[in-house]
């Protein structure tokens, strides 16, 4: 009763007038549950994939940076998967395909690298990493597109914030279950296979829910002809021409939304540095993986709060400044990592790590919240998933190419306490790109107010 009355309260702003409105309430809950289990599946692996690759193969940190450079192909795969979702009006169906591919690739990384002959850095290793990045790149924006569309169209002011709480709680559960498996089943803090079994557990719930949503949301994914003239911010669905891959790309890149993507690309450089090397950084300092899981879980707790207050500040300062503040908070953590005090006591180090997760929580939530709402603002339904795919490609793909180049020239073969300064220099350089992203947002604000 409490969960339905309080947690889903934003969904109840839909006034019950017809059976359709009752159906909308139910669908909003179904979408939330689908997002929760799917994100739990992703986060049980996502933050650990690079350590998983390193531990199950013979590649070095420098070669991991080369793999990051190939992640630029994620921009292409994210665009193509989401374009297919828009073109076929079947975003959940394409999401099912992506999750299936994701699970198969993670299985290969966990158990089959020696069998595939992909233990050393080379074409096979690059191919395995490519498929992992490709399937993940399609899944995330497709889920976000349906979440923001359904919650904005049928929910109240705080409906999308409530929907994003599925991501936050999914991150918590995605990191908690591997820790539980380690203690109960593996009893080995150095093991990485617990992440695979956690992924399988969550996927067993996610697949049936995605299939259910594919059937339930068909009428939402394929809007009626009477809705084609509805305006979505500065975007309109009226007079839709026969769209294709290049035309959609042209329309997106020749709008103000492109400058949002450009700033997101630069924010993503230091975000990628933190995501890929956070666990390596903490494991090197503490020589124990449990602190990494603790940090990820703690980050998600304040993010629940920042998620729910985002709509309030959106109404005051707008989504552009929501993204700006999020970017500043992300830079705080990045630059503190660059100058991290190594001579502090263990308890002081742990406290600082945990304290830094508060601004990182604001970064994770507000940048993605603001950018996704801007995606809806600038892009009509017929290309919304495509635009969200570009956002994912810039934030997780193009930025990884830049981060990979920096890492290749600054990181050695291995990170130890003796040469951890290399990793700190890497964080500093990546943070400088984020400053350029802030400048672009300020420039866009000045341009918009000068028109």
Protein backbone atom coordinates (compact mmCIF):
# COMPACT_ATOMS: atom_id res chain seq x y z
CA UNK A 1 0.00 0.00 0.00
CA UNK A 2 2.79 2.44 0.92
CA UNK A 3 4.71 1.63 -2.27
CA UNK A 4 1.64 2.27 -4.43
CA UNK A 5 0.47 5.35 -2.52
CA UNK A 6 3.80 7.18 -2.13
CA UNK A 7 6.28 5.90 -4.68
CA UNK A 8 3.89 5.87 -7.63
CA UNK A 9 2.04 9.03 -6.51
CA UNK A 10 3.24 11.04 -9.57
CA UNK A 11 1.54 8.49 -11.80
CA UNK A 12 -1.78 9.09 -10.05
CA UNK A 13 -2.02 12.63 -11.40
CA UNK A 14 -3.82 10.98 -14.31
CA UNK A 15 -7.48 11.58 -13.53
CA UNK A 16 -9.60 8.47 -13.89
CA UNK A 17 -12.18 9.31 -16.56
CA UNK A 18 -12.24 6.24 -18.78
CA UNK A 19 -10.85 2.75 -18.97
CA UNK A 20 -8.03 4.23 -21.07
CA UNK A 21 -6.83 6.32 -18.14
CA UNK A 22 -6.87 3.26 -15.87
CA UNK A 23 -4.83 1.44 -18.50
CA UNK A 24 -2.32 4.31 -18.60
CA UNK A 25 -1.72 4.04 -14.86
CA UNK A 26 -1.02 0.35 -15.21
CA UNK A 27 1.30 0.85 -18.17
CA UNK A 28 3.33 3.47 -16.27
CA UNK A 29 3.90 0.91 -13.51
CA UNK A 30 4.78 -1.78 -16.06
CA UNK A 31 7.31 0.54 -17.71
CA UNK A 32 8.89 1.30 -14.32
CA UNK A 33 9.22 -2.40 -13.44
CA UNK A 34 10.65 -3.20 -16.88
CA UNK A 35 13.23 -0.45 -16.52
CA UNK A 36 14.16 -1.58 -13.00
CA UNK A 37 14.92 -5.19 -13.89
CA UNK A 38 16.65 -4.32 -17.17
CA UNK A 39 18.88 -1.69 -15.54
CA UNK A 40 19.66 -4.12 -12.70
CA UNK A 41 20.83 -6.58 -15.34
CA UNK A 42 23.03 -3.97 -17.04
CA UNK A 43 24.57 -2.49 -13.90
CA UNK A 44 25.49 -5.89 -12.49
CA UNK A 45 28.06 -5.99 -15.31
CA UNK A 46 28.59 -2.49 -16.75
CA UNK A 47 30.99 -0.98 -14.20
CA UNK A 48 33.01 -4.20 -14.01
CA UNK A 49 33.36 -5.10 -17.68
CA UNK A 50 36.90 -3.75 -18.07
CA UNK A 51 38.21 -5.52 -14.91
CA UNK A 52 36.35 -8.61 -16.14
CA UNK A 53 38.12 -8.42 -19.49
CA UNK A 54 41.51 -7.86 -17.87
CA UNK A 55 41.10 -10.68 -15.33
CA UNK A 56 39.87 -13.20 -17.93
CA UNK A 57 42.45 -12.32 -20.58
CA UNK A 58 46.05 -11.18 -20.90
CA UNK A 59 45.50 -7.56 -21.97
CA UNK A 60 47.11 -4.63 -20.15
CA UNK A 61 45.78 -1.21 -19.10
CA UNK A 62 47.35 0.46 -22.13
CA UNK A 63 45.62 -2.02 -24.41
CA UNK A 64 42.35 -1.41 -22.56
CA UNK A 65 42.67 2.23 -23.64
CA UNK A 66 42.98 1.03 -27.24
CA UNK A 67 39.73 -0.88 -26.76
CA UNK A 68 38.14 2.36 -25.53
CA UNK A 69 39.19 4.05 -28.76
CA UNK A 70 37.25 1.47 -30.78
CA UNK A 71 34.19 2.33 -28.69
CA UNK A 72 33.66 5.25 -31.09
CA UNK A 73 31.82 2.70 -33.23
CA UNK A 74 29.15 2.83 -30.53
CA UNK A 75 28.00 6.10 -32.12
CA UNK A 76 27.11 4.15 -35.26
CA UNK A 77 25.53 1.13 -33.57
CA UNK A 78 23.45 3.24 -31.17
CA UNK A 79 22.17 5.30 -34.09
CA UNK A 80 21.30 2.26 -36.21
CA UNK A 81 19.53 0.31 -33.44
CA UNK A 82 17.44 3.30 -32.39
CA UNK A 83 16.71 4.22 -36.01
CA UNK A 84 15.35 0.70 -36.49
CA UNK A 85 13.23 1.17 -33.36
CA UNK A 86 11.77 4.39 -34.80
CA UNK A 87 11.39 3.03 -38.32
CA UNK A 88 9.65 -0.20 -37.26
CA UNK A 89 7.74 1.46 -34.37
CA UNK A 90 8.99 -1.42 -32.20
CA UNK A 91 11.39 0.04 -29.66
CA UNK A 92 10.81 -2.70 -27.10
CA UNK A 93 11.28 -5.44 -29.70
CA UNK A 94 14.69 -4.04 -30.69
CA UNK A 95 15.49 -3.71 -26.96
CA UNK A 96 14.78 -7.45 -26.51
CA UNK A 97 17.20 -8.24 -29.33
CA UNK A 98 19.87 -5.98 -27.80
CA UNK A 99 19.52 -7.51 -24.32
CA UNK A 100 19.81 -11.01 -25.77
CA UNK A 101 22.98 -10.07 -27.64
CA UNK A 102 24.34 -8.34 -24.53
CA UNK A 103 23.82 -11.46 -22.41
CA UNK A 104 25.51 -13.70 -24.99
CA UNK A 105 28.57 -11.44 -25.26
CA UNK A 106 28.97 -11.19 -21.46
CA UNK A 107 28.77 -15.00 -21.33
CA UNK A 108 31.58 -15.17 -23.89
CA UNK A 109 33.73 -12.70 -21.93
CA UNK A 110 33.20 -14.60 -18.68
CA UNK A 111 33.72 -18.18 -19.86
CA UNK A 112 34.70 -18.44 -23.52
CA UNK A 113 37.64 -16.08 -24.17
CA UNK A 114 40.21 -18.94 -24.24
CA UNK A 115 37.90 -21.05 -26.43
CA UNK A 116 37.41 -18.13 -28.83
CA UNK A 117 41.14 -17.44 -28.90
CA UNK A 118 40.52 -13.88 -27.68
CA UNK A 119 42.71 -13.81 -24.58
CA UNK A 120 45.30 -11.48 -26.10
CA UNK A 121 44.77 -8.03 -27.55
CA UNK A 122 43.96 -8.37 -31.23
CA UNK A 123 41.13 -8.56 -33.75
CA UNK A 124 39.11 -11.16 -31.82
CA UNK A 125 39.34 -9.17 -28.58
CA UNK A 126 38.30 -6.00 -30.44
CA UNK A 127 35.38 -7.87 -32.01
CA UNK A 128 34.14 -9.20 -28.65
CA UNK A 129 34.35 -5.71 -27.12
CA UNK A 130 32.60 -4.24 -30.17
CA UNK A 131 29.60 -6.54 -29.81
CA UNK A 132 29.37 -5.79 -26.09
CA UNK A 133 29.36 -2.03 -26.70
CA UNK A 134 27.01 -2.34 -29.68
CA UNK A 135 24.23 -4.21 -27.90
CA UNK A 136 24.45 -2.01 -24.81
CA UNK A 137 24.38 1.13 -26.96
CA UNK A 138 21.04 0.15 -28.46
CA UNK A 139 19.34 -0.97 -25.27
CA UNK A 140 19.81 2.12 -23.08
CA UNK A 141 18.37 4.82 -25.41
CA UNK A 142 15.41 2.64 -26.42
CA UNK A 143 14.40 2.23 -22.78
CA UNK A 144 14.90 5.95 -22.08
CA UNK A 145 12.83 6.94 -25.12
CA UNK A 146 9.82 4.92 -24.04
CA UNK A 147 10.17 6.04 -20.41
CA UNK A 148 10.24 9.76 -21.18
CA UNK A 149 7.50 9.47 -23.82
CA UNK A 150 5.07 7.50 -21.67
CA UNK A 151 5.70 9.47 -18.46
CA UNK A 152 5.51 12.89 -20.13
CA UNK A 153 2.42 12.05 -22.15
CA UNK A 154 0.43 10.20 -19.52
CA UNK A 155 2.00 11.12 -16.15
CA UNK A 156 2.29 14.15 -13.91
CA UNK A 157 5.11 16.65 -13.43
CA UNK A 158 7.23 14.23 -11.41
CA UNK A 159 6.36 11.12 -13.42
CA UNK A 160 9.60 11.02 -15.40
CA UNK A 161 11.66 11.59 -12.25
CA UNK A 162 9.84 8.63 -10.69
CA UNK A 163 10.55 6.63 -13.83
CA UNK A 164 14.27 7.47 -13.57
CA UNK A 165 14.27 6.14 -10.01
CA UNK A 166 14.08 2.70 -11.64
CA UNK A 167 17.57 3.38 -12.99
CA UNK A 168 18.87 4.43 -9.57
CA UNK A 169 17.37 1.46 -7.74
CA UNK A 170 18.51 -0.77 -10.59
CA UNK A 171 22.07 0.43 -10.03
CA UNK A 172 21.82 -0.36 -6.31
CA UNK A 173 20.42 -3.84 -6.86
CA UNK A 174 22.78 -4.45 -9.76
CA UNK A 175 25.78 -3.85 -7.48
CA UNK A 176 24.31 -5.52 -4.38
CA UNK A 177 23.49 -8.90 -5.88
CA UNK A 178 27.09 -9.68 -6.99
CA UNK A 179 28.28 -8.84 -3.45
CA UNK A 180 25.65 -11.21 -2.05
CA UNK A 181 26.70 -13.97 -4.46
CA UNK A 182 30.33 -13.47 -3.48
CA UNK A 183 29.58 -13.95 0.19
CA UNK A 184 27.05 -16.78 -0.13
CA UNK A 185 28.20 -18.77 -3.18
CA UNK A 186 31.77 -17.93 -4.19
CA UNK A 187 33.24 -16.71 -0.89
CA UNK A 188 35.98 -15.02 -2.89
CA UNK A 189 36.32 -11.23 -3.03
CA UNK A 190 38.61 -11.52 -6.07
CA UNK A 191 36.05 -13.41 -8.17
CA UNK A 192 34.36 -11.72 -11.13
CA UNK A 193 31.98 -14.51 -12.14
CA UNK A 194 29.51 -13.36 -9.51
CA UNK A 195 28.67 -10.45 -11.84
CA UNK A 196 27.73 -12.87 -14.61
CA UNK A 197 25.37 -14.85 -12.38
CA UNK A 198 23.82 -11.62 -11.10
CA UNK A 199 23.21 -10.57 -14.71
CA UNK A 200 21.51 -13.91 -15.47
CA UNK A 201 19.28 -13.52 -12.40
CA UNK A 202 18.06 -10.06 -13.39
CA UNK A 203 17.76 -10.98 -17.09
CA UNK A 204 15.37 -13.81 -16.22
CA UNK A 205 12.94 -11.11 -15.04
CA UNK A 206 13.81 -8.49 -17.67
CA UNK A 207 13.13 -10.61 -20.77
CA UNK A 208 9.49 -11.50 -19.93
CA UNK A 209 8.77 -7.89 -18.98
CA UNK A 210 10.25 -6.53 -22.23
CA UNK A 211 8.16 -9.01 -24.22
CA UNK A 212 5.06 -7.93 -22.28
CA UNK A 213 5.77 -4.24 -22.90
CA UNK A 214 6.29 -4.89 -26.60
CA UNK A 215 2.69 -6.12 -26.71
CA UNK A 216 1.19 -3.52 -24.35
CA UNK A 217 2.82 -0.40 -25.86
CA UNK A 218 2.16 -0.96 -29.55
CA UNK A 219 -0.49 1.76 -29.61
CA UNK A 220 1.99 4.21 -28.03
CA UNK A 221 4.86 3.37 -30.37
CA UNK A 222 2.61 3.80 -33.41
CA UNK A 223 0.73 7.10 -32.85
CA UNK A 224 -2.60 7.75 -34.52
CA UNK A 225 -2.80 10.03 -37.53
CA UNK A 226 -4.54 12.68 -35.43
CA UNK A 227 -1.43 12.95 -33.26
CA UNK A 228 0.93 13.73 -36.11
CA UNK A 229 0.21 17.45 -35.87
CA UNK A 230 1.01 17.62 -32.15
CA UNK A 231 3.99 19.80 -31.31
CA UNK A 232 6.77 18.56 -29.08
CA UNK A 233 8.57 21.70 -27.92
CA UNK A 234 10.26 23.09 -31.02
CA UNK A 235 9.74 19.85 -32.92
CA UNK A 236 6.58 18.94 -34.81
CA UNK A 237 5.31 15.69 -36.27
CA UNK A 238 3.29 17.50 -38.93
CA UNK A 239 4.00 16.85 -42.62
CA UNK A 240 6.36 13.97 -41.96
CA UNK A 241 8.28 13.10 -45.10
CA UNK A 242 9.70 9.68 -45.89
CA UNK A 243 12.52 9.67 -43.39
CA UNK A 244 15.72 7.70 -43.79
CA UNK A 245 18.96 7.22 -41.89
CA UNK A 246 20.77 10.23 -43.36
CA UNK A 247 17.79 12.59 -43.31
CA UNK A 248 17.14 12.02 -39.61
CA UNK A 249 20.83 12.56 -38.91
CA UNK A 250 20.84 15.78 -40.96
CA UNK A 251 17.80 17.17 -39.12
CA UNK A 252 19.26 16.41 -35.70
CA UNK A 253 22.73 17.78 -36.42
CA UNK A 254 21.34 21.01 -37.93
CA UNK A 255 19.44 22.01 -34.79
CA UNK A 256 20.41 23.57 -31.47
CA UNK A 257 20.23 20.06 -30.05
CA UNK A 258 23.60 19.36 -31.69
CA UNK A 259 25.32 21.73 -29.22
CA UNK A 260 23.75 19.77 -26.37
CA UNK A 261 25.26 16.63 -27.89
CA UNK A 262 28.65 18.31 -28.25
CA UNK A 263 28.77 19.33 -24.59
CA UNK A 264 27.59 15.84 -23.60
CA UNK A 265 30.45 14.38 -25.66
CA UNK A 266 33.00 16.40 -23.66
CA UNK A 267 31.34 15.55 -20.33
CA UNK A 268 31.49 11.93 -21.36
CA UNK A 269 35.29 12.01 -21.61
CA UNK A 270 35.80 12.32 -17.85
CA UNK A 271 32.72 10.19 -17.18
CA UNK A 272 34.28 7.35 -19.20
CA UNK A 273 37.57 7.77 -17.36
CA UNK A 274 35.81 7.40 -14.01
CA UNK A 275 33.55 4.51 -15.10
CA UNK A 276 36.33 2.46 -16.69
CA UNK A 277 38.98 3.04 -14.03
CA UNK A 278 37.01 3.69 -10.81
CA UNK A 279 37.19 0.04 -9.73
CA UNK A 280 40.87 -0.22 -10.74
CA UNK A 281 41.63 3.00 -8.82
CA UNK A 282 39.89 1.88 -5.62
CA UNK A 283 41.15 -1.71 -5.86
CA UNK A 284 44.72 -0.44 -6.18
CA UNK A 285 44.39 1.86 -3.18
CA UNK A 286 42.58 -0.58 -0.88
CA UNK A 287 43.58 -3.93 -2.45
CA UNK A 288 39.99 -5.15 -1.95
CA UNK A 289 37.00 -5.16 -4.33
CA UNK A 290 34.38 -4.71 -1.60
CA UNK A 291 35.14 -0.97 -1.33
CA UNK A 292 34.29 -0.50 -5.01
CA UNK A 293 30.86 -2.05 -4.57
CA UNK A 294 30.32 0.05 -1.42
CA UNK A 295 31.09 3.24 -3.34
CA UNK A 296 28.73 2.41 -6.22
CA UNK A 297 25.91 1.53 -3.83
CA UNK A 298 26.42 4.66 -1.71
CA UNK A 299 26.34 6.86 -4.83
CA UNK A 300 22.86 5.63 -5.67
CA UNK A 301 21.35 6.65 -2.33
CA UNK A 302 21.70 10.45 -2.79
CA UNK A 303 20.81 9.97 -6.46
CA UNK A 304 17.31 8.90 -5.42
CA UNK A 305 16.92 12.35 -3.85
CA UNK A 306 18.49 14.27 -6.74
CA UNK A 307 16.26 12.39 -9.17
CA UNK A 308 13.07 13.48 -7.45
CA UNK A 309 14.07 17.14 -7.05
CA UNK A 310 15.20 17.51 -10.67
CA UNK A 311 11.69 18.45 -11.96
CA UNK A 312 11.43 21.17 -9.29
CA UNK A 313 14.66 22.83 -10.43
CA UNK A 314 13.74 22.21 -14.05
CA UNK A 315 10.76 24.51 -13.55
CA UNK A 316 13.02 27.22 -12.08
CA UNK A 317 16.23 27.18 -14.14
CA UNK A 318 15.39 24.99 -17.14
CA UNK A 319 17.01 21.85 -18.47
CA UNK A 320 20.03 23.63 -19.96
CA UNK A 321 21.22 24.73 -16.52
CA UNK A 322 20.28 21.34 -15.06
CA UNK A 323 22.85 19.84 -17.46
CA UNK A 324 25.37 22.59 -16.61
CA UNK A 325 25.15 22.03 -12.84
CA UNK A 326 25.41 18.29 -13.37
CA UNK A 327 28.55 18.78 -15.44
CA UNK A 328 30.15 20.95 -12.74
CA UNK A 329 29.44 18.31 -10.08
CA UNK A 330 31.04 15.62 -12.23
CA UNK A 331 34.16 17.74 -12.60
CA UNK A 332 34.46 18.08 -8.82
CA UNK A 333 34.91 14.33 -8.42
CA UNK A 334 37.24 14.04 -11.42
CA UNK A 335 39.67 16.73 -10.25
CA UNK A 336 39.67 15.49 -6.66
CA UNK A 337 40.63 12.06 -8.01
CA UNK A 338 43.43 13.76 -9.93
CA UNK A 339 44.82 15.17 -6.66
CA UNK A 340 43.73 12.32 -4.40
CA UNK A 341 45.69 12.26 -1.08
CA UNK A 342 47.52 8.94 -0.89
CA UNK A 343 48.97 9.44 2.61
CA UNK A 344 45.64 9.56 4.44
CA UNK A 345 44.41 6.75 6.68
CA UNK A 346 42.16 4.05 5.24
CA UNK A 347 39.07 5.40 7.02
CA UNK A 348 39.75 8.95 5.76
CA UNK A 349 40.21 7.67 2.21
CA UNK A 350 36.95 5.73 2.37
CA UNK A 351 35.12 8.79 3.73
CA UNK A 352 36.46 10.98 0.91
CA UNK A 353 35.50 8.39 -1.71
CA UNK A 354 31.97 8.24 -0.32
CA UNK A 355 31.65 12.03 -0.01
CA UNK A 356 32.62 12.43 -3.67
CA UNK A 357 29.73 10.20 -4.69
CA UNK A 358 27.28 12.97 -3.75
CA UNK A 359 28.37 15.37 -6.55
CA UNK A 360 28.83 12.33 -8.82
CA UNK A 361 25.21 11.37 -8.12
CA UNK A 362 24.07 14.84 -9.20
CA UNK A 363 26.19 14.51 -12.34
CA UNK A 364 24.84 11.07 -13.27
CA UNK A 365 21.24 12.06 -12.74
CA UNK A 366 20.98 15.68 -13.83
CA UNK A 367 23.03 15.44 -17.01
CA UNK A 368 21.03 12.45 -18.23
CA UNK A 369 17.72 13.86 -16.98
CA UNK A 370 18.23 17.24 -18.62
CA UNK A 371 19.61 15.82 -21.87
CA UNK A 372 16.77 13.31 -22.21
CA UNK A 373 14.16 16.01 -21.65
CA UNK A 374 15.95 18.17 -24.24
CA UNK A 375 15.83 15.20 -26.62
CA UNK A 376 12.06 15.13 -26.27
CA UNK A 377 11.89 18.93 -26.61
CA UNK A 378 13.82 19.11 -29.88
CA UNK A 379 12.77 15.84 -31.54
CA UNK A 380 9.31 14.54 -32.53
CA UNK A 381 8.29 10.95 -31.89
CA UNK A 382 9.22 9.69 -35.35
CA UNK A 383 12.93 10.33 -34.66
CA UNK A 384 13.05 10.58 -30.86
CA UNK A 385 14.69 7.20 -30.26
CA UNK A 386 17.19 8.02 -33.02
CA UNK A 387 18.12 11.28 -31.27
CA UNK A 388 18.37 9.49 -27.93
CA UNK A 389 20.62 6.96 -29.63
CA UNK A 390 22.89 9.79 -30.78
CA UNK A 391 22.97 11.10 -27.20
CA UNK A 392 24.03 7.65 -26.00
CA UNK A 393 26.58 7.38 -28.80
CA UNK A 394 28.15 10.74 -27.93
CA UNK A 395 28.01 10.21 -24.14
CA UNK A 396 29.29 6.63 -24.18
CA UNK A 397 30.96 6.18 -27.57
CA UNK A 398 32.65 9.23 -29.05
CA UNK A 399 33.88 10.32 -25.64
CA UNK A 400 35.47 6.89 -25.09
CA UNK A 401 37.55 7.41 -28.23
CA UNK A 402 38.99 10.63 -26.78
CA UNK A 403 39.44 9.04 -23.35
CA UNK A 404 41.14 6.05 -24.98
CA UNK A 405 43.67 8.27 -26.76
CA UNK A 406 44.49 10.06 -23.50
CA UNK A 407 44.79 6.76 -21.64
CA UNK A 408 47.04 5.23 -24.28
CA UNK A 409 49.62 7.98 -23.83
CA UNK A 410 49.34 8.40 -20.05
CA UNK A 411 48.74 4.89 -18.64
CA UNK A 412 51.34 2.17 -18.45
CA UNK A 413 50.89 -1.57 -18.80
CA UNK A 414 49.64 -1.93 -15.23
CA UNK A 415 48.45 0.39 -12.47
CA UNK A 416 50.09 -0.12 -9.08
CA UNK A 417 50.55 2.04 -6.00
CA UNK A 418 54.00 2.94 -7.30
CA UNK A 419 52.76 4.41 -10.60
CA UNK A 420 49.22 5.44 -9.65
CA UNK A 421 50.19 9.03 -10.49
CA UNK A 422 49.77 8.03 -14.15
CA UNK A 423 46.11 7.30 -13.50
CA UNK A 424 45.68 10.57 -11.60
CA UNK A 425 47.19 12.49 -14.54
CA UNK A 426 44.75 10.66 -16.79
CA UNK A 427 41.81 11.89 -14.68
CA UNK A 428 43.11 15.47 -14.78
CA UNK A 429 43.46 15.61 -18.57
CA UNK A 430 40.01 14.10 -19.08
CA UNK A 431 38.53 16.66 -16.68
CA UNK A 432 39.86 19.50 -18.84
CA UNK A 433 37.61 18.34 -21.68
CA UNK A 434 34.63 18.76 -19.35
CA UNK A 435 35.48 22.43 -18.86
CA UNK A 436 35.17 22.92 -22.62
CA UNK A 437 31.70 21.30 -22.42
CA UNK A 438 30.62 23.89 -19.85
CA UNK A 439 31.80 26.70 -22.14
CA UNK A 440 29.64 25.33 -24.98
CA UNK A 441 26.54 25.30 -22.77
CA UNK A 442 27.14 28.90 -21.69
CA UNK A 443 27.59 29.87 -25.35
CA UNK A 444 24.30 28.14 -26.28
CA UNK A 445 22.50 29.99 -23.48
CA UNK A 446 23.86 33.35 -24.68
CA UNK A 447 22.87 32.51 -28.27
CA UNK A 448 19.31 31.53 -27.29
CA UNK A 449 18.79 34.70 -25.27
CA UNK A 450 20.30 36.89 -27.97
CA UNK A 451 17.85 35.85 -30.65
